[in-house]
Amino acid sequence: MIKNNKITIGILGGMGPYASLSFLKKLLDLTEAKKDWEHLRIILDNNPHIPSRTRAFLYNEESPVEGMIESCQKLVNYPVDIILLPCNSATYFLPYVQPQINIPIISIVEATCKSLNNKVSNGARIIVWGGVITYTAQLYKSQLQQFGYEYVEMDENDSKIVFNFIEEIKLNNNQVDIDRIKLHIKNTLHKYNCSNIILGCSEFGCIIDQLSQYPLIDSDTEYAKYVIELMKNNV
């Protein structure tokens, strides 16, 4: 039971829209609520017009920071008490956004890495499936190492396959070739001798129910669990 469901949660969504919807559903599904009023109060700004995080990172095109700050400020003014950002790639820009916002923005990367405690053996080799920014900037590396895990980097060809999976889910998450994704999961675990794969892109949260037989850590699911625990502890 959540001790304090009077806290209002803001979600900066739209990156992408279906991933945000999937994350919202996880928050609802994972909350131990028997009545409507036992759920969390949630304000979602589903803003798909924030400039591309990947294009800003790769080609120095328009930065998403201004748009992220604008949406966060609107959530603050609602008001909300904390802000969630269910987009791994956008986490790269948090150091530029958080100083402009006077309430906490919770990192999905940090929450996911913290969730590994008591789930994955210390020292385990872990690989991350993520988008271009998550892969290139190694968003998970320092956090995984801090918590005692070995960060394993995929080669460029395998990472491009993952990038394509993400784009396919974005475009048509109801008709993704799940068997092809399953095969690449098996190949990844074997090739890199890893115990687990972190799904470090919120788009994978849209299809995680179809991949339950594999040792996957879904960042979206762990993020939702982390936030719910915060609320249970009356944060």
C-alpha atoms as a PDB file:
ATOM      1  CA  MET A   1       0.000   0.000   0.000  1.00  0.00           C
ATOM      2  CA  ILE A   2       1.313   3.432  -0.917  1.00  0.00           C
ATOM      3  CA  LYS A   3       1.555   5.561   2.214  1.00  0.00           C
ATOM      4  CA  ASN A   4       1.278   8.898   0.481  1.00  0.00           C
ATOM      5  CA  ASN A   5      -0.770   8.942  -2.702  1.00  0.00           C
ATOM      6  CA  LYS A   6      -1.293  12.671  -2.241  1.00  0.00           C
ATOM      7  CA  ILE A   7       2.067  13.253  -3.919  1.00  0.00           C
ATOM      8  CA  THR A   8       1.592  14.258  -7.548  1.00  0.00           C
ATOM      9  CA  ILE A   9       3.933  12.739 -10.091  1.00  0.00           C
ATOM     10  CA  GLY A  10       4.777  14.493 -13.338  1.00  0.00           C
ATOM     11  CA  ILE A  11       5.883  12.558 -16.390  1.00  0.00           C
ATOM     12  CA  LEU A  12       7.798  14.227 -19.193  1.00  0.00           C
ATOM     13  CA  GLY A  13       6.691  11.968 -22.016  1.00  0.00           C
ATOM     14  CA  GLY A  14       6.396  11.893 -25.771  1.00  0.00           C
ATOM     15  CA  MET A  15       9.892  10.462 -26.327  1.00  0.00           C
ATOM     16  CA  GLY A  16       8.270   8.393 -27.789  1.00  0.00           C
ATOM     17  CA  PRO A  17       4.511   8.573 -27.297  1.00  0.00           C
ATOM     18  CA  TYR A  18       3.809   4.827 -27.166  1.00  0.00           C
ATOM     19  CA  ALA A  19       6.713   4.259 -24.786  1.00  0.00           C
ATOM     20  CA  SER A  20       5.225   6.896 -22.465  1.00  0.00           C
ATOM     21  CA  LEU A  21       1.842   5.196 -22.612  1.00  0.00           C
ATOM     22  CA  SER A  22       3.457   1.834 -21.861  1.00  0.00           C
ATOM     23  CA  PHE A  23       5.287   3.301 -18.866  1.00  0.00           C
ATOM     24  CA  LEU A  24       2.099   4.875 -17.500  1.00  0.00           C
ATOM     25  CA  LYS A  25       0.379   1.496 -17.711  1.00  0.00           C
ATOM     26  CA  LYS A  26       3.261  -0.104 -15.789  1.00  0.00           C
ATOM     27  CA  LEU A  27       2.874   2.456 -13.008  1.00  0.00           C
ATOM     28  CA  LEU A  28      -0.812   1.565 -12.769  1.00  0.00           C
ATOM     29  CA  ASP A  29      -0.321  -2.198 -13.037  1.00  0.00           C
ATOM     30  CA  LEU A  30       2.450  -2.324 -10.422  1.00  0.00           C
ATOM     31  CA  THR A  31       0.664  -0.170  -7.854  1.00  0.00           C
ATOM     32  CA  GLU A  32      -1.010  -2.278  -5.160  1.00  0.00           C
ATOM     33  CA  ALA A  33      -4.339  -0.515  -5.424  1.00  0.00           C
ATOM     34  CA  LYS A  34      -7.703  -2.094  -4.717  1.00  0.00           C
ATOM     35  CA  LYS A  35      -9.666   1.103  -5.310  1.00  0.00           C
ATOM     36  CA  ASP A  36      -9.297   3.931  -7.809  1.00  0.00           C
ATOM     37  CA  TRP A  37      -8.328   6.401  -5.111  1.00  0.00           C
ATOM     38  CA  GLU A  38      -5.389   4.258  -4.010  1.00  0.00           C
ATOM     39  CA  HIS A  39      -3.557   4.974  -7.248  1.00  0.00           C
ATOM     40  CA  LEU A  40      -1.020   7.747  -7.717  1.00  0.00           C
ATOM     41  CA  ARG A  41      -1.972  11.120  -9.075  1.00  0.00           C
ATOM     42  CA  ILE A  42      -0.064  11.463 -12.347  1.00  0.00           C
ATOM     43  CA  ILE A  43       0.246  14.347 -14.798  1.00  0.00           C
ATOM     44  CA  LEU A  44       1.607  13.312 -18.203  1.00  0.00           C
ATOM     45  CA  ASP A  45       2.958  15.868 -20.648  1.00  0.00           C
ATOM     46  CA  ASN A  46       3.128  13.728 -23.765  1.00  0.00           C
ATOM     47  CA  ASN A  47       5.287  16.114 -25.780  1.00  0.00           C
ATOM     48  CA  PRO A  48       6.493  14.519 -29.053  1.00  0.00           C
ATOM     49  CA  HIS A  49       7.610  17.921 -30.379  1.00  0.00           C
ATOM     50  CA  ILE A  50      10.791  18.035 -28.305  1.00  0.00           C
ATOM     51  CA  PRO A  51      13.644  17.962 -30.850  1.00  0.00           C
ATOM     52  CA  SER A  52      15.298  14.628 -31.546  1.00  0.00           C
ATOM     53  CA  ARG A  53      17.767  13.695 -28.851  1.00  0.00           C
ATOM     54  CA  THR A  54      19.693  11.480 -31.246  1.00  0.00           C
ATOM     55  CA  ARG A  55      20.018  14.056 -34.027  1.00  0.00           C
ATOM     56  CA  ALA A  56      21.165  16.681 -31.543  1.00  0.00           C
ATOM     57  CA  PHE A  57      23.777  14.245 -30.223  1.00  0.00           C
ATOM     58  CA  LEU A  58      25.021  13.021 -33.610  1.00  0.00           C
ATOM     59  CA  TYR A  59      24.724  16.057 -35.850  1.00  0.00           C
ATOM     60  CA  ASN A  60      24.601  18.997 -33.436  1.00  0.00           C
ATOM     61  CA  GLU A  61      21.078  19.831 -34.615  1.00  0.00           C
ATOM     62  CA  GLU A  62      18.522  21.629 -32.424  1.00  0.00           C
ATOM     63  CA  SER A  63      18.980  20.670 -28.793  1.00  0.00           C
ATOM     64  CA  PRO A  64      16.096  19.070 -26.882  1.00  0.00           C
ATOM     65  CA  VAL A  65      17.141  20.870 -23.680  1.00  0.00           C
ATOM     66  CA  GLU A  66      14.960  23.955 -24.129  1.00  0.00           C
ATOM     67  CA  GLY A  67      11.895  21.831 -24.895  1.00  0.00           C
ATOM     68  CA  MET A  68      12.574  19.535 -21.961  1.00  0.00           C
ATOM     69  CA  ILE A  69      12.941  22.510 -19.622  1.00  0.00           C
ATOM     70  CA  GLU A  70       9.716  24.066 -20.920  1.00  0.00           C
ATOM     71  CA  SER A  71       7.733  20.869 -20.342  1.00  0.00           C
ATOM     72  CA  CYS A  72       9.279  20.360 -16.907  1.00  0.00           C
ATOM     73  CA  GLN A  73       8.412  23.922 -15.904  1.00  0.00           C
ATOM     74  CA  LYS A  74       4.810  23.370 -16.952  1.00  0.00           C
ATOM     75  CA  LEU A  75       4.715  20.270 -14.779  1.00  0.00           C
ATOM     76  CA  VAL A  76       6.264  22.201 -11.878  1.00  0.00           C
ATOM     77  CA  ASN A  77       3.603  24.874 -12.255  1.00  0.00           C
ATOM     78  CA  TYR A  78       0.796  22.316 -12.232  1.00  0.00           C
ATOM     79  CA  PRO A  79       2.214  21.607  -9.539  1.00  0.00           C
ATOM     80  CA  VAL A  80       3.853  18.191  -9.293  1.00  0.00           C
ATOM     81  CA  ASP A  81       6.274  16.968  -6.623  1.00  0.00           C
ATOM     82  CA  ILE A  82       8.694  14.931  -8.724  1.00  0.00           C
ATOM     83  CA  ILE A  83       9.253  14.456 -12.451  1.00  0.00           C
ATOM     84  CA  LEU A  84       9.838  11.181 -14.254  1.00  0.00           C
ATOM     85  CA  LEU A  85      11.587  10.902 -17.599  1.00  0.00           C
ATOM     86  CA  PRO A  86      10.872   7.495 -19.158  1.00  0.00           C
ATOM     87  CA  CYS A  87      13.419   7.924 -21.934  1.00  0.00           C
ATOM     88  CA  ASN A  88      16.955   6.616 -21.547  1.00  0.00           C
ATOM     89  CA  SER A  89      18.398   8.777 -24.317  1.00  0.00           C
ATOM     90  CA  ALA A  90      16.948  11.960 -22.839  1.00  0.00           C
ATOM     91  CA  THR A  91      18.736  11.161 -19.568  1.00  0.00           C
ATOM     92  CA  TYR A  92      21.941  12.237 -21.311  1.00  0.00           C
ATOM     93  CA  PHE A  93      20.634  15.826 -21.229  1.00  0.00           C
ATOM     94  CA  LEU A  94      19.544  15.796 -17.571  1.00  0.00           C
ATOM     95  CA  PRO A  95      22.682  17.635 -16.352  1.00  0.00           C
ATOM     96  CA  TYR A  96      21.543  20.608 -18.465  1.00  0.00           C
ATOM     97  CA  VAL A  97      17.880  20.377 -17.457  1.00  0.00           C
ATOM     98  CA  GLN A  98      17.883  19.602 -13.725  1.00  0.00           C
ATOM     99  CA  PRO A  99      19.663  22.850 -12.666  1.00  0.00           C
ATOM    100  CA  GLN A 100      16.752  24.812 -14.187  1.00  0.00           C
ATOM    101  CA  ILE A 101      14.082  22.808 -12.339  1.00  0.00           C
ATOM    102  CA  ASN A 102      13.567  23.111  -8.583  1.00  0.00           C
ATOM    103  CA  ILE A 103      12.125  19.644  -7.984  1.00  0.00           C
ATOM    104  CA  PRO A 104      13.835  16.265  -8.522  1.00  0.00           C
ATOM    105  CA  ILE A 105      13.885  14.628 -11.944  1.00  0.00           C
ATOM    106  CA  ILE A 106      14.430  10.933 -11.293  1.00  0.00           C
ATOM    107  CA  SER A 107      16.952   9.167 -13.544  1.00  0.00           C
ATOM    108  CA  ILE A 108      15.759   5.963 -15.204  1.00  0.00           C
ATOM    109  CA  VAL A 109      19.386   4.852 -15.585  1.00  0.00           C
ATOM    110  CA  GLU A 110      20.149   5.191 -11.883  1.00  0.00           C
ATOM    111  CA  ALA A 111      16.862   3.561 -10.874  1.00  0.00           C
ATOM    112  CA  THR A 112      17.483   0.579 -13.168  1.00  0.00           C
ATOM    113  CA  CYS A 113      21.018   0.008 -11.908  1.00  0.00           C
ATOM    114  CA  LYS A 114      19.885   0.201  -8.283  1.00  0.00           C
ATOM    115  CA  SER A 115      17.241  -2.435  -9.026  1.00  0.00           C
ATOM    116  CA  LEU A 116      19.898  -5.052  -9.801  1.00  0.00           C
ATOM    117  CA  ASN A 117      20.701  -5.495  -6.122  1.00  0.00           C
ATOM    118  CA  ASN A 118      19.462  -8.932  -4.967  1.00  0.00           C
ATOM    119  CA  LYS A 119      18.538  -9.786  -8.586  1.00  0.00           C
ATOM    120  CA  VAL A 120      21.904 -10.109 -10.302  1.00  0.00           C
ATOM    121  CA  SER A 121      25.071 -11.492  -8.722  1.00  0.00           C
ATOM    122  CA  ASN A 122      27.760  -8.961  -7.898  1.00  0.00           C
ATOM    123  CA  GLY A 123      30.420  -8.871 -10.607  1.00  0.00           C
ATOM    124  CA  ALA A 124      28.057 -10.196 -13.280  1.00  0.00           C
ATOM    125  CA  ARG A 125      28.701  -9.279 -16.892  1.00  0.00           C
ATOM    126  CA  ILE A 126      25.852  -7.110 -18.138  1.00  0.00           C
ATOM    127  CA  ILE A 127      25.200  -5.729 -21.596  1.00  0.00           C
ATOM    128  CA  VAL A 128      22.849  -2.893 -22.486  1.00  0.00           C
ATOM    129  CA  TRP A 129      20.505  -2.730 -25.445  1.00  0.00           C
ATOM    130  CA  GLY A 130      19.843   0.931 -26.065  1.00  0.00           C
ATOM    131  CA  GLY A 131      19.601   3.652 -28.659  1.00  0.00           C
ATOM    132  CA  VAL A 132      22.431   5.567 -30.277  1.00  0.00           C
ATOM    133  CA  ILE A 133      23.018   7.901 -27.321  1.00  0.00           C
ATOM    134  CA  THR A 134      22.766   5.168 -24.697  1.00  0.00           C
ATOM    135  CA  TYR A 135      25.270   3.051 -26.633  1.00  0.00           C
ATOM    136  CA  THR A 136      27.702   5.751 -27.751  1.00  0.00           C
ATOM    137  CA  ALA A 137      27.758   7.731 -24.487  1.00  0.00           C
ATOM    138  CA  GLN A 138      27.736   4.501 -22.437  1.00  0.00           C
ATOM    139  CA  LEU A 139      25.036   5.910 -20.173  1.00  0.00           C
ATOM    140  CA  TYR A 140      24.953   2.806 -17.988  1.00  0.00           C
ATOM    141  CA  LYS A 141      28.674   2.147 -17.667  1.00  0.00           C
ATOM    142  CA  SER A 142      29.588   4.224 -14.618  1.00  0.00           C
ATOM    143  CA  GLN A 143      26.420   3.313 -12.708  1.00  0.00           C
ATOM    144  CA  LEU A 144      26.862  -0.413 -13.342  1.00  0.00           C
ATOM    145  CA  GLN A 145      30.486  -0.273 -12.293  1.00  0.00           C
ATOM    146  CA  GLN A 146      29.570   1.721  -9.202  1.00  0.00           C
ATOM    147  CA  PHE A 147      27.177  -1.037  -8.122  1.00  0.00           C
ATOM    148  CA  GLY A 148      29.745  -3.762  -8.727  1.00  0.00           C
ATOM    149  CA  TYR A 149      28.857  -5.066 -12.188  1.00  0.00           C
ATOM    150  CA  GLU A 150      30.927  -5.472 -15.331  1.00  0.00           C
ATOM    151  CA  TYR A 151      29.715  -3.324 -18.201  1.00  0.00           C
ATOM    152  CA  VAL A 152      30.127  -5.169 -21.508  1.00  0.00           C
ATOM    153  CA  GLU A 153      30.049  -3.185 -24.735  1.00  0.00           C
ATOM    154  CA  MET A 154      28.500  -4.569 -27.901  1.00  0.00           C
ATOM    155  CA  ASP A 155      30.284  -4.228 -31.199  1.00  0.00           C
ATOM    156  CA  GLU A 156      29.035  -1.728 -33.738  1.00  0.00           C
ATOM    157  CA  ASN A 157      27.226  -4.232 -35.967  1.00  0.00           C
ATOM    158  CA  ASP A 158      25.218  -5.711 -33.099  1.00  0.00           C
ATOM    159  CA  SER A 159      24.386  -2.257 -31.794  1.00  0.00           C
ATOM    160  CA  LYS A 160      22.984  -1.280 -35.203  1.00  0.00           C
ATOM    161  CA  ILE A 161      20.684  -4.292 -35.115  1.00  0.00           C
ATOM    162  CA  VAL A 162      19.370  -3.069 -31.748  1.00  0.00           C
ATOM    163  CA  PHE A 163      18.917   0.460 -33.124  1.00  0.00           C
ATOM    164  CA  ASN A 164      16.790  -1.019 -35.918  1.00  0.00           C
ATOM    165  CA  PHE A 165      14.664  -2.958 -33.433  1.00  0.00           C
ATOM    166  CA  ILE A 166      13.969   0.283 -31.575  1.00  0.00           C
ATOM    167  CA  GLU A 167      12.898   2.072 -34.748  1.00  0.00           C
ATOM    168  CA  GLU A 168      10.640  -0.835 -35.712  1.00  0.00           C
ATOM    169  CA  ILE A 169       8.918  -0.714 -32.327  1.00  0.00           C
ATOM    170  CA  LYS A 170       8.470   3.056 -32.611  1.00  0.00           C
ATOM    171  CA  LEU A 171       6.863   2.733 -36.041  1.00  0.00           C
ATOM    172  CA  ASN A 172       4.743  -0.348 -35.516  1.00  0.00           C
ATOM    173  CA  ASN A 173       4.954  -1.847 -32.044  1.00  0.00           C
ATOM    174  CA  ASN A 174       1.986  -4.180 -32.655  1.00  0.00           C
ATOM    175  CA  GLN A 175       3.651  -6.016 -35.556  1.00  0.00           C
ATOM    176  CA  VAL A 176       7.298  -6.253 -34.602  1.00  0.00           C
ATOM    177  CA  ASP A 177       9.138  -9.446 -35.552  1.00  0.00           C
ATOM    178  CA  ILE A 178       9.414 -10.823 -32.016  1.00  0.00           C
ATOM    179  CA  ASP A 179      11.106 -14.033 -33.147  1.00  0.00           C
ATOM    180  CA  ARG A 180      13.964 -12.039 -34.674  1.00  0.00           C
ATOM    181  CA  ILE A 181      14.388 -10.096 -31.442  1.00  0.00           C
ATOM    182  CA  LYS A 182      14.381 -13.332 -29.431  1.00  0.00           C
ATOM    183  CA  LEU A 183      17.074 -14.787 -31.678  1.00  0.00           C
ATOM    184  CA  HIS A 184      19.256 -11.719 -31.221  1.00  0.00           C
ATOM    185  CA  ILE A 185      18.791 -11.909 -27.445  1.00  0.00           C
ATOM    186  CA  LYS A 186      20.082 -15.496 -27.485  1.00  0.00           C
ATOM    187  CA  ASN A 187      22.979 -14.551 -29.750  1.00  0.00           C
ATOM    188  CA  THR A 188      23.900 -11.564 -27.567  1.00  0.00           C
ATOM    189  CA  LEU A 189      23.926 -13.571 -24.335  1.00  0.00           C
ATOM    190  CA  HIS A 190      26.065 -16.278 -25.916  1.00  0.00           C
ATOM    191  CA  LYS A 191      28.453 -14.092 -27.925  1.00  0.00           C
ATOM    192  CA  TYR A 192      29.291 -11.761 -25.046  1.00  0.00           C
ATOM    193  CA  ASN A 193      29.004 -14.356 -22.264  1.00  0.00           C
ATOM    194  CA  CYS A 194      26.623 -12.132 -20.308  1.00  0.00           C
ATOM    195  CA  SER A 195      24.238 -13.062 -17.526  1.00  0.00           C
ATOM    196  CA  ASN A 196      21.690 -10.329 -18.283  1.00  0.00           C
ATOM    197  CA  ILE A 197      20.685  -7.733 -20.836  1.00  0.00           C
ATOM    198  CA  ILE A 198      19.384  -4.364 -19.697  1.00  0.00           C
ATOM    199  CA  LEU A 199      16.752  -3.093 -22.083  1.00  0.00           C
ATOM    200  CA  GLY A 200      17.965   0.486 -21.944  1.00  0.00           C
ATOM    201  CA  CYS A 201      15.329   1.970 -24.204  1.00  0.00           C
ATOM    202  CA  SER A 202      11.747   2.621 -23.154  1.00  0.00           C
ATOM    203  CA  GLU A 203      10.469   1.364 -26.502  1.00  0.00           C
ATOM    204  CA  PHE A 204      11.314  -2.182 -25.410  1.00  0.00           C
ATOM    205  CA  GLY A 205       8.829  -1.699 -22.578  1.00  0.00           C
ATOM    206  CA  CYS A 206       6.095  -1.936 -25.217  1.00  0.00           C
ATOM    207  CA  ILE A 207       6.980  -5.575 -25.962  1.00  0.00           C
ATOM    208  CA  ILE A 208       8.574  -6.824 -22.730  1.00  0.00           C
ATOM    209  CA  ASP A 209       5.617  -9.101 -21.944  1.00  0.00           C
ATOM    210  CA  GLN A 210       6.561 -11.196 -24.983  1.00  0.00           C
ATOM    211  CA  LEU A 211      10.153 -11.670 -23.813  1.00  0.00           C
ATOM    212  CA  SER A 212       9.610 -12.886 -20.254  1.00  0.00           C
ATOM    213  CA  GLN A 213      11.571 -16.139 -20.709  1.00  0.00           C
ATOM    214  CA  TYR A 214      14.903 -14.331 -21.039  1.00  0.00           C
ATOM    215  CA  PRO A 215      17.197 -12.783 -18.384  1.00  0.00           C
ATOM    216  CA  LEU A 216      16.238  -9.223 -19.244  1.00  0.00           C
ATOM    217  CA  ILE A 217      16.120  -6.145 -17.045  1.00  0.00           C
ATOM    218  CA  ASP A 218      13.505  -3.801 -18.484  1.00  0.00           C
ATOM    219  CA  SER A 219      14.422  -0.228 -17.586  1.00  0.00           C
ATOM    220  CA  ASP A 220      10.794   0.902 -17.838  1.00  0.00           C
ATOM    221  CA  THR A 221       9.544  -1.746 -15.418  1.00  0.00           C
ATOM    222  CA  GLU A 222      12.348  -1.141 -12.933  1.00  0.00           C
ATOM    223  CA  TYR A 223      11.768   2.612 -13.139  1.00  0.00           C
ATOM    224  CA  ALA A 224       8.098   2.157 -12.304  1.00  0.00           C
ATOM    225  CA  LYS A 225       8.923  -0.168  -9.392  1.00  0.00           C
ATOM    226  CA  TYR A 226      11.492   2.294  -8.073  1.00  0.00           C
ATOM    227  CA  VAL A 227       9.028   5.177  -8.075  1.00  0.00           C
ATOM    228  CA  ILE A 228       6.333   3.111  -6.400  1.00  0.00           C
ATOM    229  CA  GLU A 229       8.799   2.174  -3.639  1.00  0.00           C
ATOM    230  CA  LEU A 230       9.611   5.857  -3.170  1.00  0.00           C
ATOM    231  CA  MET A 231       5.927   6.552  -2.652  1.00  0.00           C
ATOM    232  CA  LYS A 232       5.565   3.618  -0.256  1.00  0.00           C
ATOM    233  CA  ASN A 233       8.340   5.149   1.838  1.00  0.00           C
ATOM    234  CA  ASN A 234       6.433   8.410   1.906  1.00  0.00           C
ATOM    235  CA  VAL A 235       9.120  10.328  -0.002  1.00  0.00           C
END
